[in-house]
Amino acid sequence: MEGITKKALRSVHSLLWVLLWVSAFLPALMHAANDVMGEIQFEGKSHVEKTSGVWVDGAYVGYLKELKGSKRFFFLPR
């Protein structure tokens, strides 16, 4: 490698490490930019309520008993 100094190789090596770290954390930073505008948590007390269908903005999203716990419905900004 004629003409390339050790200092230049170290600079390239450092730049590659920085690019690697940025590419590793960039998806997490981009995901954090999604602001949740609202959240609905469904709860049914009776058998009829638990087996009722749920529609949001005219779109069917499932039965109430399927939308509990970790299966919440989030509203994202448009």
PDB file of N, CA and C in Angstrom:
ATOM      1  N   MET A   1       0.843  -1.170   0.000  1.00  0.00           N
ATOM      2  CA  MET A   1       0.000   0.000   0.000  1.00  0.00           C
ATOM      3  C   MET A   1       0.884   1.227   0.000  1.00  0.00           C
ATOM      4  N   GLU A   2       1.316   1.517  -1.133  1.00  0.00           N
ATOM      5  CA  GLU A   2       2.231   2.625  -1.306  1.00  0.00           C
ATOM      6  C   GLU A   2       1.480   3.948  -1.291  1.00  0.00           C
ATOM      7  N   GLY A   3       1.945   4.909  -0.551  1.00  0.00           N
ATOM      8  CA  GLY A   3       1.343   6.229  -0.529  1.00  0.00           C
ATOM      9  C   GLY A   3       0.302   6.419   0.568  1.00  0.00           C
ATOM     10  N   ILE A   4      -0.107   5.353   1.253  1.00  0.00           N
ATOM     11  CA  ILE A   4      -1.088   5.479   2.333  1.00  0.00           C
ATOM     12  C   ILE A   4      -0.341   5.420   3.655  1.00  0.00           C
ATOM     13  N   THR A   5      -0.522   6.444   4.457  1.00  0.00           N
ATOM     14  CA  THR A   5       0.175   6.492   5.737  1.00  0.00           C
ATOM     15  C   THR A   5      -0.622   5.778   6.818  1.00  0.00           C
ATOM     16  N   LYS A   6       0.061   5.483   7.915  1.00  0.00           N
ATOM     17  CA  LYS A   6      -0.612   4.830   9.045  1.00  0.00           C
ATOM     18  C   LYS A   6      -1.676   5.751   9.631  1.00  0.00           C
ATOM     19  N   LYS A   7      -1.431   7.031   9.608  1.00  0.00           N
ATOM     20  CA  LYS A   7      -2.409   7.992  10.130  1.00  0.00           C
ATOM     21  C   LYS A   7      -3.679   7.975   9.281  1.00  0.00           C
ATOM     22  N   ALA A   8      -3.539   7.888   7.981  1.00  0.00           N
ATOM     23  CA  ALA A   8      -4.696   7.833   7.093  1.00  0.00           C
ATOM     24  C   ALA A   8      -5.471   6.541   7.303  1.00  0.00           C
ATOM     25  N   LEU A   9      -4.764   5.432   7.497  1.00  0.00           N
ATOM     26  CA  LEU A   9      -5.439   4.156   7.747  1.00  0.00           C
ATOM     27  C   LEU A   9      -6.203   4.191   9.072  1.00  0.00           C
ATOM     28  N   ARG A  10      -5.626   4.806  10.089  1.00  0.00           N
ATOM     29  CA  ARG A  10      -6.324   4.938  11.372  1.00  0.00           C
ATOM     30  C   ARG A  10      -7.567   5.798  11.238  1.00  0.00           C
ATOM     31  N   SER A  11      -7.482   6.852  10.434  1.00  0.00           N
ATOM     32  CA  SER A  11      -8.640   7.718  10.216  1.00  0.00           C
ATOM     33  C   SER A  11      -9.769   6.954   9.522  1.00  0.00           C
ATOM     34  N   VAL A  12      -9.425   6.170   8.516  1.00  0.00           N
ATOM     35  CA  VAL A  12     -10.425   5.366   7.811  1.00  0.00           C
ATOM     36  C   VAL A  12     -11.016   4.325   8.750  1.00  0.00           C
ATOM     37  N   HIS A  13     -10.165   3.700   9.543  1.00  0.00           N
ATOM     38  CA  HIS A  13     -10.618   2.696  10.505  1.00  0.00           C
ATOM     39  C   HIS A  13     -11.574   3.323  11.514  1.00  0.00           C
ATOM     40  N   SER A  14     -11.254   4.499  12.021  1.00  0.00           N
ATOM     41  CA  SER A  14     -12.121   5.200  12.974  1.00  0.00           C
ATOM     42  C   SER A  14     -13.454   5.571  12.330  1.00  0.00           C
ATOM     43  N   LEU A  15     -13.405   6.037  11.096  1.00  0.00           N
ATOM     44  CA  LEU A  15     -14.627   6.398  10.380  1.00  0.00           C
ATOM     45  C   LEU A  15     -15.533   5.185  10.187  1.00  0.00           C
ATOM     46  N   LEU A  16     -14.956   4.046   9.867  1.00  0.00           N
ATOM     47  CA  LEU A  16     -15.745   2.832   9.695  1.00  0.00           C
ATOM     48  C   LEU A  16     -16.410   2.411  11.002  1.00  0.00           C
ATOM     49  N   TRP A  17     -15.699   2.547  12.135  1.00  0.00           N
ATOM     50  CA  TRP A  17     -16.286   2.222  13.431  1.00  0.00           C
ATOM     51  C   TRP A  17     -17.451   3.149  13.762  1.00  0.00           C
ATOM     52  N   VAL A  18     -17.292   4.433  13.463  1.00  0.00           N
ATOM     53  CA  VAL A  18     -18.370   5.396  13.706  1.00  0.00           C
ATOM     54  C   VAL A  18     -19.584   5.052  12.855  1.00  0.00           C
ATOM     55  N   LEU A  19     -19.376   4.745  11.592  1.00  0.00           N
ATOM     56  CA  LEU A  19     -20.483   4.359  10.710  1.00  0.00           C
ATOM     57  C   LEU A  19     -21.170   3.084  11.195  1.00  0.00           C
ATOM     58  N   LEU A  20     -20.400   2.144  11.703  1.00  0.00           N
ATOM     59  CA  LEU A  20     -20.971   0.906  12.228  1.00  0.00           C
ATOM     60  C   LEU A  20     -21.860   1.192  13.430  1.00  0.00           C
ATOM     61  N   TRP A  21     -21.401   2.015  14.360  1.00  0.00           N
ATOM     62  CA  TRP A  21     -22.187   2.349  15.550  1.00  0.00           C
ATOM     63  C   TRP A  21     -23.437   3.136  15.183  1.00  0.00           C
ATOM     64  N   VAL A  22     -23.312   4.078  14.263  1.00  0.00           N
ATOM     65  CA  VAL A  22     -24.476   4.867  13.851  1.00  0.00           C
ATOM     66  C   VAL A  22     -25.517   3.970  13.189  1.00  0.00           C
ATOM     67  N   SER A  23     -25.068   3.065  12.332  1.00  0.00           N
ATOM     68  CA  SER A  23     -26.018   2.178  11.659  1.00  0.00           C
ATOM     69  C   SER A  23     -26.668   1.199  12.632  1.00  0.00           C
ATOM     70  N   ALA A  24     -26.000   0.893  13.742  1.00  0.00           N
ATOM     71  CA  ALA A  24     -26.574  -0.015  14.731  1.00  0.00           C
ATOM     72  C   ALA A  24     -27.672   0.667  15.544  1.00  0.00           C
ATOM     73  N   PHE A  25     -27.529   1.963  15.823  1.00  0.00           N
ATOM     74  CA  PHE A  25     -28.483   2.664  16.674  1.00  0.00           C
ATOM     75  C   PHE A  25     -29.469   3.534  15.906  1.00  0.00           C
ATOM     76  N   LEU A  26     -29.276   3.742  14.624  1.00  0.00           N
ATOM     77  CA  LEU A  26     -30.165   4.592  13.845  1.00  0.00           C
ATOM     78  C   LEU A  26     -31.598   4.066  13.804  1.00  0.00           C
ATOM     79  N   PRO A  27     -31.832   2.768  13.599  1.00  0.00           N
ATOM     80  CA  PRO A  27     -33.224   2.298  13.603  1.00  0.00           C
ATOM     81  C   PRO A  27     -33.946   2.566  14.924  1.00  0.00           C
ATOM     82  N   ALA A  28     -33.257   2.435  16.041  1.00  0.00           N
ATOM     83  CA  ALA A  28     -33.877   2.704  17.340  1.00  0.00           C
ATOM     84  C   ALA A  28     -34.215   4.185  17.479  1.00  0.00           C
ATOM     85  N   LEU A  29     -33.358   5.049  16.994  1.00  0.00           N
ATOM     86  CA  LEU A  29     -33.623   6.480  17.065  1.00  0.00           C
ATOM     87  C   LEU A  29     -34.791   6.868  16.170  1.00  0.00           C
ATOM     88  N   MET A  30     -34.887   6.267  14.999  1.00  0.00           N
ATOM     89  CA  MET A  30     -35.979   6.565  14.088  1.00  0.00           C
ATOM     90  C   MET A  30     -37.299   6.044  14.655  1.00  0.00           C
ATOM     91  N   HIS A  31     -37.271   4.891  15.299  1.00  0.00           N
ATOM     92  CA  HIS A  31     -38.477   4.325  15.890  1.00  0.00           C
ATOM     93  C   HIS A  31     -38.977   5.207  17.026  1.00  0.00           C
ATOM     94  N   ALA A  32     -38.090   5.817  17.762  1.00  0.00           N
ATOM     95  CA  ALA A  32     -38.473   6.661  18.883  1.00  0.00           C
ATOM     96  C   ALA A  32     -39.186   7.926  18.425  1.00  0.00           C
ATOM     97  N   ALA A  33     -39.068   8.268  17.146  1.00  0.00           N
ATOM     98  CA  ALA A  33     -39.704   9.475  16.631  1.00  0.00           C
ATOM     99  C   ALA A  33     -41.199   9.298  16.414  1.00  0.00           C
ATOM    100  N   ASN A  34     -41.726   8.072  16.462  1.00  0.00           N
ATOM    101  CA  ASN A  34     -43.156   7.834  16.284  1.00  0.00           C
ATOM    102  C   ASN A  34     -43.896   8.178  17.564  1.00  0.00           C
ATOM    103  N   ASP A  35     -44.634   9.279  17.536  1.00  0.00           N
ATOM    104  CA  ASP A  35     -45.395   9.705  18.707  1.00  0.00           C
ATOM    105  C   ASP A  35     -46.774   9.062  18.675  1.00  0.00           C
ATOM    106  N   VAL A  36     -47.143   8.431  19.757  1.00  0.00           N
ATOM    107  CA  VAL A  36     -48.470   7.848  19.880  1.00  0.00           C
ATOM    108  C   VAL A  36     -49.411   8.949  20.344  1.00  0.00           C
ATOM    109  N   MET A  37     -50.477   9.186  19.574  1.00  0.00           N
ATOM    110  CA  MET A  37     -51.425  10.240  19.899  1.00  0.00           C
ATOM    111  C   MET A  37     -52.446   9.787  20.940  1.00  0.00           C
ATOM    112  N   GLY A  38     -52.764   8.517  20.965  1.00  0.00           N
ATOM    113  CA  GLY A  38     -53.745   8.013  21.907  1.00  0.00           C
ATOM    114  C   GLY A  38     -53.702   6.505  21.956  1.00  0.00           C
ATOM    115  N   GLU A  39     -54.356   5.957  22.940  1.00  0.00           N
ATOM    116  CA  GLU A  39     -54.357   4.509  23.133  1.00  0.00           C
ATOM    117  C   GLU A  39     -55.712   4.110  23.694  1.00  0.00           C
ATOM    118  N   ILE A  40     -56.220   2.978  23.225  1.00  0.00           N
ATOM    119  CA  ILE A  40     -57.466   2.440  23.759  1.00  0.00           C
ATOM    120  C   ILE A  40     -57.157   1.108  24.416  1.00  0.00           C
ATOM    121  N   GLN A  41     -57.621   0.952  25.630  1.00  0.00           N
ATOM    122  CA  GLN A  41     -57.537  -0.337  26.320  1.00  0.00           C
ATOM    123  C   GLN A  41     -58.966  -0.828  26.509  1.00  0.00           C
ATOM    124  N   PHE A  42     -59.259  -1.994  25.963  1.00  0.00           N
ATOM    125  CA  PHE A  42     -60.610  -2.541  26.001  1.00  0.00           C
ATOM    126  C   PHE A  42     -60.801  -3.417  27.238  1.00  0.00           C
ATOM    127  N   GLU A  43     -62.001  -3.320  27.823  1.00  0.00           N
ATOM    128  CA  GLU A  43     -62.312  -4.136  28.983  1.00  0.00           C
ATOM    129  C   GLU A  43     -63.800  -4.474  28.943  1.00  0.00           C
ATOM    130  N   GLY A  44     -64.103  -5.735  29.003  1.00  0.00           N
ATOM    131  CA  GLY A  44     -65.489  -6.170  29.030  1.00  0.00           C
ATOM    132  C   GLY A  44     -65.768  -6.951  30.304  1.00  0.00           C
ATOM    133  N   LYS A  45     -66.896  -6.695  30.910  1.00  0.00           N
ATOM    134  CA  LYS A  45     -67.247  -7.362  32.160  1.00  0.00           C
ATOM    135  C   LYS A  45     -68.095  -8.614  31.918  1.00  0.00           C
ATOM    136  N   SER A  46     -69.072  -8.512  31.028  1.00  0.00           N
ATOM    137  CA  SER A  46     -69.985  -9.637  30.813  1.00  0.00           C
ATOM    138  C   SER A  46     -69.541 -10.465  29.606  1.00  0.00           C
ATOM    139  N   HIS A  47     -70.166 -11.628  29.458  1.00  0.00           N
ATOM    140  CA  HIS A  47     -69.862 -12.504  28.315  1.00  0.00           C
ATOM    141  C   HIS A  47     -70.219 -11.809  26.995  1.00  0.00           C
ATOM    142  N   VAL A  48     -71.338 -11.086  26.992  1.00  0.00           N
ATOM    143  CA  VAL A  48     -71.762 -10.379  25.779  1.00  0.00           C
ATOM    144  C   VAL A  48     -70.730  -9.323  25.389  1.00  0.00           C
ATOM    145  N   GLU A  49     -70.244  -8.566  26.358  1.00  0.00           N
ATOM    146  CA  GLU A  49     -69.243  -7.538  26.066  1.00  0.00           C
ATOM    147  C   GLU A  49     -67.932  -8.150  25.578  1.00  0.00           C
ATOM    148  N   LYS A  50     -67.503  -9.235  26.197  1.00  0.00           N
ATOM    149  CA  LYS A  50     -66.229  -9.859  25.823  1.00  0.00           C
ATOM    150  C   LYS A  50     -66.267 -10.473  24.434  1.00  0.00           C
ATOM    151  N   THR A  51     -67.440 -10.892  23.987  1.00  0.00           N
ATOM    152  CA  THR A  51     -67.550 -11.524  22.668  1.00  0.00           C
ATOM    153  C   THR A  51     -68.056 -10.557  21.609  1.00  0.00           C
ATOM    154  N   SER A  52     -68.109  -9.274  21.921  1.00  0.00           N
ATOM    155  CA  SER A  52     -68.563  -8.262  20.961  1.00  0.00           C
ATOM    156  C   SER A  52     -67.439  -7.895  20.005  1.00  0.00           C
ATOM    157  N   GLY A  53     -67.823  -7.571  18.779  1.00  0.00           N
ATOM    158  CA  GLY A  53     -66.856  -7.109  17.788  1.00  0.00           C
ATOM    159  C   GLY A  53     -66.536  -5.645  17.991  1.00  0.00           C
ATOM    160  N   VAL A  54     -65.336  -5.246  17.576  1.00  0.00           N
ATOM    161  CA  VAL A  54     -64.893  -3.861  17.739  1.00  0.00           C
ATOM    162  C   VAL A  54     -64.548  -3.294  16.363  1.00  0.00           C
ATOM    163  N   TRP A  55     -65.097  -2.110  16.074  1.00  0.00           N
ATOM    164  CA  TRP A  55     -64.798  -1.394  14.851  1.00  0.00           C
ATOM    165  C   TRP A  55     -64.191  -0.045  15.236  1.00  0.00           C
ATOM    166  N   VAL A  56     -63.153   0.375  14.527  1.00  0.00           N
ATOM    167  CA  VAL A  56     -62.537   1.688  14.736  1.00  0.00           C
ATOM    168  C   VAL A  56     -62.467   2.376  13.382  1.00  0.00           C
ATOM    169  N   ASP A  57     -63.049   3.553  13.295  1.00  0.00           N
ATOM    170  CA  ASP A  57     -63.118   4.314  12.037  1.00  0.00           C
ATOM    171  C   ASP A  57     -63.704   3.469  10.904  1.00  0.00           C
ATOM    172  N   GLY A  58     -64.692   2.663  11.215  1.00  0.00           N
ATOM    173  CA  GLY A  58     -65.362   1.847  10.204  1.00  0.00           C
ATOM    174  C   GLY A  58     -64.620   0.582   9.820  1.00  0.00           C
ATOM    175  N   ALA A  59     -63.494   0.309  10.448  1.00  0.00           N
ATOM    176  CA  ALA A  59     -62.708  -0.893  10.135  1.00  0.00           C
ATOM    177  C   ALA A  59     -62.787  -1.869  11.309  1.00  0.00           C
ATOM    178  N   TYR A  60     -63.099  -3.113  11.003  1.00  0.00           N
ATOM    179  CA  TYR A  60     -63.192  -4.143  12.031  1.00  0.00           C
ATOM    180  C   TYR A  60     -61.792  -4.501  12.513  1.00  0.00           C
ATOM    181  N   VAL A  61     -61.580  -4.480  13.836  1.00  0.00           N
ATOM    182  CA  VAL A  61     -60.256  -4.788  14.389  1.00  0.00           C
ATOM    183  C   VAL A  61     -60.230  -6.082  15.189  1.00  0.00           C
ATOM    184  N   GLY A  62     -61.384  -6.665  15.506  1.00  0.00           N
ATOM    185  CA  GLY A  62     -61.406  -7.950  16.197  1.00  0.00           C
ATOM    186  C   GLY A  62     -62.427  -7.979  17.316  1.00  0.00           C
ATOM    187  N   TYR A  63     -62.490  -9.129  17.982  1.00  0.00           N
ATOM    188  CA  TYR A  63     -63.357  -9.269  19.146  1.00  0.00           C
ATOM    189  C   TYR A  63     -62.710  -8.604  20.346  1.00  0.00           C
ATOM    190  N   LEU A  64     -63.532  -8.132  21.258  1.00  0.00           N
ATOM    191  CA  LEU A  64     -63.032  -7.453  22.450  1.00  0.00           C
ATOM    192  C   LEU A  64     -62.081  -8.337  23.253  1.00  0.00           C
ATOM    193  N   LYS A  65     -62.398  -9.626  23.388  1.00  0.00           N
ATOM    194  CA  LYS A  65     -61.538 -10.513  24.178  1.00  0.00           C
ATOM    195  C   LYS A  65     -60.167 -10.724  23.523  1.00  0.00           C
ATOM    196  N   GLU A  66     -60.072 -10.464  22.216  1.00  0.00           N
ATOM    197  CA  GLU A  66     -58.786 -10.589  21.520  1.00  0.00           C
ATOM    198  C   GLU A  66     -57.920  -9.343  21.682  1.00  0.00           C
ATOM    199  N   LEU A  67     -58.504  -8.245  22.111  1.00  0.00           N
ATOM    200  CA  LEU A  67     -57.801  -6.961  22.154  1.00  0.00           C
ATOM    201  C   LEU A  67     -57.446  -6.535  23.581  1.00  0.00           C
ATOM    202  N   LYS A  68     -57.183  -7.472  24.440  1.00  0.00           N
ATOM    203  CA  LYS A  68     -56.843  -7.110  25.819  1.00  0.00           C
ATOM    204  C   LYS A  68     -55.370  -7.384  26.095  1.00  0.00           C
ATOM    205  N   GLY A  69     -54.895  -6.863  27.201  1.00  0.00           N
ATOM    206  CA  GLY A  69     -53.502  -7.077  27.605  1.00  0.00           C
ATOM    207  C   GLY A  69     -52.527  -6.372  26.685  1.00  0.00           C
ATOM    208  N   SER A  70     -51.592  -7.109  26.129  1.00  0.00           N
ATOM    209  CA  SER A  70     -50.562  -6.521  25.277  1.00  0.00           C
ATOM    210  C   SER A  70     -51.078  -6.191  23.884  1.00  0.00           C
ATOM    211  N   LYS A  71     -52.290  -6.611  23.550  1.00  0.00           N
ATOM    212  CA  LYS A  71     -52.857  -6.341  22.218  1.00  0.00           C
ATOM    213  C   LYS A  71     -53.725  -5.096  22.274  1.00  0.00           C
ATOM    214  N   ARG A  72     -53.101  -3.947  22.531  1.00  0.00           N
ATOM    215  CA  ARG A  72     -53.798  -2.686  22.611  1.00  0.00           C
ATOM    216  C   ARG A  72     -53.869  -2.046  21.242  1.00  0.00           C
ATOM    217  N   PHE A  73     -54.722  -1.059  21.113  1.00  0.00           N
ATOM    218  CA  PHE A  73     -54.898  -0.353  19.858  1.00  0.00           C
ATOM    219  C   PHE A  73     -54.352   1.058  20.029  1.00  0.00           C
ATOM    220  N   PHE A  74     -53.402   1.460  19.174  1.00  0.00           N
ATOM    221  CA  PHE A  74     -52.768   2.763  19.265  1.00  0.00           C
ATOM    222  C   PHE A  74     -53.197   3.652  18.106  1.00  0.00           C
ATOM    223  N   PHE A  75     -53.295   4.943  18.361  1.00  0.00           N
ATOM    224  CA  PHE A  75     -53.560   5.925  17.328  1.00  0.00           C
ATOM    225  C   PHE A  75     -52.267   6.671  17.034  1.00  0.00           C
ATOM    226  N   LEU A  76     -51.863   6.676  15.781  1.00  0.00           N
ATOM    227  CA  LEU A  76     -50.644   7.373  15.373  1.00  0.00           C
ATOM    228  C   LEU A  76     -51.017   8.640  14.611  1.00  0.00           C
ATOM    229  N   PRO A  77     -50.172   9.654  14.646  1.00  0.00           N
ATOM    230  CA  PRO A  77     -50.490  10.896  13.919  1.00  0.00           C
ATOM    231  C   PRO A  77     -50.489  10.654  12.416  1.00  0.00           C
ATOM    232  N   ARG A  78     -51.319  11.410  11.727  1.00  0.00           N
ATOM    233  CA  ARG A  78     -51.391  11.286  10.264  1.00  0.00           C
ATOM    234  C   ARG A  78     -50.487  12.274   9.596  1.00  0.00           C
TER     235      ARG A  78
END
